[in-house]
């Protein structure tokens, strides 16, 4: 029996690492909604900054409660109702040809500008008829990028979601494969 136990452990560990899901997790809840992370994907982008002729590089990470995030993003498929996800965005320094740097990125509140290096976070959850159950929440905290490459973005986060007097806390980590050739989805939620 010990022999079979020893042979199965490397197999399970190898599968978990190859799938890229073992390193992605979310702890906590927003408005009583927990996110059981099943998959994650990252998308690298370049946007025009507030200064004409200047651009900012960035990365968006989606941590999802359903598998096959990248495939759904490439197909432009809307999120199914009752499928919460966490959306993290980090932008670099305006006018720099450098990529988003590793290290801490403070979350910029919704009403502030992305003309400075910063980050943003949104916890998105719809009920069975696509009513937004987390509307009105703003995020504060920090996203830490440990490494970023052409194929993977790895890091962690410590976030507070605030709605009036209510404060919810999410922590976790991600190891998200970079997804290319994505399409926007319309509508955002589908029953």
Protein backbone atom coordinates (compact mmCIF):
# COMPACT_ATOMS: atom_id res chain seq x y z
CA UNK A 1 0.00 0.00 0.00
CA UNK A 2 2.83 2.43 0.76
CA UNK A 3 4.32 1.70 -2.65
CA UNK A 4 1.15 2.77 -4.51
CA UNK A 5 0.90 5.90 -2.35
CA UNK A 6 4.42 6.92 -3.33
CA UNK A 7 3.71 6.42 -7.02
CA UNK A 8 0.47 8.42 -7.04
CA UNK A 9 1.83 11.54 -5.27
CA UNK A 10 4.19 12.61 -8.11
CA UNK A 11 1.43 11.96 -10.62
CA UNK A 12 -1.10 14.14 -8.77
CA UNK A 13 1.45 16.88 -8.14
CA UNK A 14 2.49 16.88 -11.78
CA UNK A 15 -1.11 17.17 -12.95
CA UNK A 16 -1.86 20.00 -10.53
CA UNK A 17 1.17 21.97 -11.68
CA UNK A 18 0.58 21.28 -15.36
CA UNK A 19 -3.04 22.41 -15.14
CA UNK A 20 -1.97 25.73 -13.57
CA UNK A 21 -4.88 25.75 -11.13
CA UNK A 22 -3.19 24.59 -7.94
CA UNK A 23 -1.47 27.96 -7.44
CA UNK A 24 -4.65 30.02 -7.95
CA UNK A 25 -6.92 30.47 -4.95
CA UNK A 26 -9.19 33.04 -3.31
CA UNK A 27 -10.00 33.32 0.40
CA UNK A 28 -12.84 35.44 1.77
CA UNK A 29 -16.12 36.69 0.33
CA UNK A 30 -17.84 39.81 -1.00
CA UNK A 31 -21.47 40.39 0.00
CA UNK A 32 -21.51 36.80 1.33
CA UNK A 33 -20.41 35.38 -2.04
CA UNK A 34 -17.40 33.07 -2.10
CA UNK A 35 -15.27 32.49 -5.20
CA UNK A 36 -14.16 28.87 -5.57
CA UNK A 37 -11.33 29.49 -8.05
CA UNK A 38 -11.33 26.85 -10.78
CA UNK A 39 -9.23 28.64 -13.40
CA UNK A 40 -7.43 31.88 -14.23
CA UNK A 41 -6.19 33.68 -17.32
CA UNK A 42 -4.19 36.83 -17.99
CA UNK A 43 -4.24 39.22 -20.92
CA UNK A 44 -1.47 41.69 -21.69
CA UNK A 45 -2.48 45.01 -23.28
CA UNK A 46 -1.32 48.49 -24.29
CA UNK A 47 -3.54 51.56 -23.87
CA UNK A 48 -3.22 55.26 -24.69
CA UNK A 49 -2.39 57.27 -21.57
CA UNK A 50 -3.77 60.71 -20.76
CA UNK A 51 -0.84 62.39 -22.55
CA UNK A 52 -1.05 62.43 -26.36
CA UNK A 53 1.41 60.02 -27.95
CA UNK A 54 2.11 58.17 -24.71
CA UNK A 55 1.04 54.63 -23.93
CA UNK A 56 0.87 52.37 -20.90
CA UNK A 57 1.38 48.64 -20.84
CA UNK A 58 -0.77 46.56 -18.58
CA UNK A 59 -2.01 43.15 -17.61
CA UNK A 60 -5.52 41.98 -16.72
CA UNK A 61 -6.00 38.82 -14.65
CA UNK A 62 -9.31 36.99 -14.37
CA UNK A 63 -9.80 34.44 -11.59
CA UNK A 64 -12.92 32.45 -12.32
CA UNK A 65 -15.23 29.95 -10.63
CA UNK A 66 -15.63 28.03 -13.91
CA UNK A 67 -13.00 26.21 -15.97
CA UNK A 68 -11.76 27.16 -19.47
CA UNK A 69 -11.52 30.92 -18.88
CA UNK A 70 -9.13 31.52 -21.77
CA UNK A 71 -11.28 29.57 -24.22
CA UNK A 72 -14.37 31.54 -23.19
CA UNK A 73 -12.45 34.83 -23.51
CA UNK A 74 -11.19 33.88 -26.99
CA UNK A 75 -14.72 33.00 -28.10
CA UNK A 76 -16.24 36.16 -26.58
CA UNK A 77 -18.71 34.05 -24.61
CA UNK A 78 -20.55 35.85 -21.79
CA UNK A 79 -20.22 34.71 -18.21
CA UNK A 80 -22.96 32.39 -17.02
CA UNK A 81 -25.22 33.59 -14.23
CA UNK A 82 -24.12 32.33 -10.79
CA UNK A 83 -20.46 32.29 -11.95
CA UNK A 84 -18.56 34.85 -9.83
CA UNK A 85 -15.10 36.03 -10.84
CA UNK A 86 -12.38 38.41 -9.70
CA UNK A 87 -10.92 40.82 -12.23
CA UNK A 88 -7.51 42.42 -11.49
CA UNK A 89 -5.89 45.09 -13.68
CA UNK A 90 -2.37 46.49 -13.31
CA UNK A 91 -0.98 49.28 -15.52
CA UNK A 92 2.60 50.46 -15.89
CA UNK A 93 4.23 53.88 -16.06
CA UNK A 94 2.84 56.19 -18.80
CA UNK A 95 5.21 56.76 -21.71
CA UNK A 96 7.48 53.89 -20.72
CA UNK A 97 8.29 51.10 -23.13
CA UNK A 98 8.80 48.87 -20.11
CA UNK A 99 6.35 46.17 -19.18
CA UNK A 100 4.42 46.15 -15.91
CA UNK A 101 7.07 45.73 -13.25
CA UNK A 102 7.16 43.11 -10.55
CA UNK A 103 6.39 44.16 -7.01
CA UNK A 104 3.48 45.82 -5.22
CA UNK A 105 0.79 47.82 -7.04
CA UNK A 106 -1.67 49.84 -4.98
CA UNK A 107 -5.29 49.55 -6.05
CA UNK A 108 -6.54 52.84 -7.50
CA UNK A 109 -10.08 53.67 -6.40
CA UNK A 110 -12.74 53.72 -9.11
CA UNK A 111 -12.97 57.52 -9.30
CA UNK A 112 -9.21 58.04 -9.72
CA UNK A 113 -7.29 58.15 -12.99
CA UNK A 114 -5.11 55.52 -14.62
CA UNK A 115 -2.73 58.30 -15.76
CA UNK A 116 -0.42 57.08 -13.02
CA UNK A 117 0.90 53.60 -12.42
CA UNK A 118 -1.73 51.73 -10.49
CA UNK A 119 -4.11 48.85 -10.19
CA UNK A 120 -7.81 48.15 -10.04
CA UNK A 121 -9.94 45.23 -8.86
CA UNK A 122 -13.55 44.17 -9.33
CA UNK A 123 -15.46 41.26 -7.84
CA UNK A 124 -18.28 40.40 -10.23
CA UNK A 125 -21.22 38.19 -9.21
CA UNK A 126 -24.65 37.89 -10.82
CA UNK A 127 -27.61 35.91 -9.53
CA UNK A 128 -29.56 33.39 -11.63
CA UNK A 129 -31.34 36.17 -13.57
CA UNK A 130 -28.17 38.30 -14.07
CA UNK A 131 -28.83 40.88 -11.34
CA UNK A 132 -25.45 42.25 -10.17
CA UNK A 133 -25.05 41.18 -6.52
CA UNK A 134 -21.87 43.23 -5.96
CA UNK A 135 -22.91 46.59 -7.46
CA UNK A 136 -21.72 49.57 -5.45
CA UNK A 137 -18.57 47.92 -4.05
CA UNK A 138 -15.23 49.69 -4.58
CA UNK A 139 -11.87 48.03 -4.04
CA UNK A 140 -8.81 49.11 -2.08
CA UNK A 141 -5.65 47.20 -1.22
CA UNK A 142 -2.74 45.79 -3.12
CA UNK A 143 -1.89 43.45 -6.00
CA UNK A 144 1.63 42.02 -5.95
CA UNK A 145 3.12 40.83 -9.25
CA UNK A 146 5.77 38.22 -8.48
CA UNK A 147 6.67 37.44 -12.11
CA UNK A 148 5.42 38.28 -15.57
CA UNK A 149 6.45 36.61 -18.81
CA UNK A 150 5.10 36.05 -22.30
CA UNK A 151 3.28 32.94 -21.04
CA UNK A 152 2.41 33.41 -17.34
CA UNK A 153 1.60 36.09 -14.77
CA UNK A 154 2.11 35.10 -11.13
CA UNK A 155 1.33 37.02 -7.96
CA UNK A 156 -1.02 37.56 -5.03
CA UNK A 157 -3.49 40.10 -3.69
CA UNK A 158 -4.86 41.55 -0.46
CA UNK A 159 -8.06 43.46 -1.21
CA UNK A 160 -10.89 45.16 0.65
CA UNK A 161 -14.26 45.65 -1.04
CA UNK A 162 -16.19 48.56 0.46
CA UNK A 163 -19.89 49.42 0.11
CA UNK A 164 -21.06 52.09 2.53
CA UNK A 165 -20.39 50.72 6.01
CA UNK A 166 -19.75 47.19 4.76
CA UNK A 167 -16.14 46.04 4.27
CA UNK A 168 -15.32 42.59 2.87
CA UNK A 169 -11.82 41.13 2.58
CA UNK A 170 -10.31 38.90 -0.13
CA UNK A 171 -6.82 37.46 -0.23
CA UNK A 172 -5.30 34.94 -2.57
CA UNK A 173 -2.80 34.12 -5.26
CA UNK A 174 -2.76 33.46 -8.98
CA UNK A 175 -0.60 31.79 -11.59
CA UNK A 176 -2.45 32.74 -14.74
CA UNK A 177 -1.50 31.64 -18.24
CA UNK A 178 -1.46 34.49 -20.76
CA UNK A 179 -4.43 34.33 -23.12
CA UNK A 180 -4.21 35.87 -26.61
CA UNK A 181 -6.71 36.73 -29.35
CA UNK A 182 -9.56 37.47 -26.94
CA UNK A 183 -12.90 39.01 -27.91
CA UNK A 184 -15.21 41.15 -25.76
CA UNK A 185 -18.43 39.50 -24.68
CA UNK A 186 -21.81 41.11 -25.01
CA UNK A 187 -23.88 40.66 -22.93
CA UNK A 188 -21.65 40.32 -19.86
CA UNK A 189 -24.02 37.87 -18.13
CA UNK A 190 -26.14 35.12 -19.64
CA UNK A 191 -28.84 33.04 -17.94
